[in-house]
Amino acid sequence: MKEFETFEHGADVGIRGYGETLERAFENAARGMFSIMVDVDNVGNTFEVKSSVSANSLDYLLVEFLNDLLLQKDLNNCMFSKFIVDITEHENGYEARYRAFGEKIPQILTHLRTEVKGATFTKLSVLKEDDTYLAQCIVDV
């Protein structure tokens, strides 16, 4: 099974994360988003950030998660390439606690690509098809 893919959408880019679990689909969607900005295969795991987000639906949780990663990227001047996500359901919705691993930007300057400004609600979808979860949205570049 492929982990993620990107697709053209007008002036923006779509991302799809796939996984055997909901968490893996979110992790792969994040990896897909960061693959737009950097060659993720050349980003080490020397830096770690822990955070959490919550939302009233899984769709909105995906957007919150991806946008929080972009915030953490900017706050910490880094790029991420590996993600560990734990999603729990609560009476008011869902929470995603995550760890993101990467490197500070000065160490990976030669691998930088297009900047992603934010995850949007366009073509937003989190669903299960057969045995595979899909997490998809359009990101503003």
Foldseek 3Di string as FASTA:
>chain_A
DDQKDWDDDPQWIKIKGKDLDLQSRLFSSLLRVLVQWFVLVPWDFPDKDKDKDWDQEPLVRSQVVNQVQLVVCVVQQWGFNGKGWDWDADPRHIMIIMMTGTDHCVVGVVGTHDDWPGWDSAVADWDDDDSMTMGMTITHD
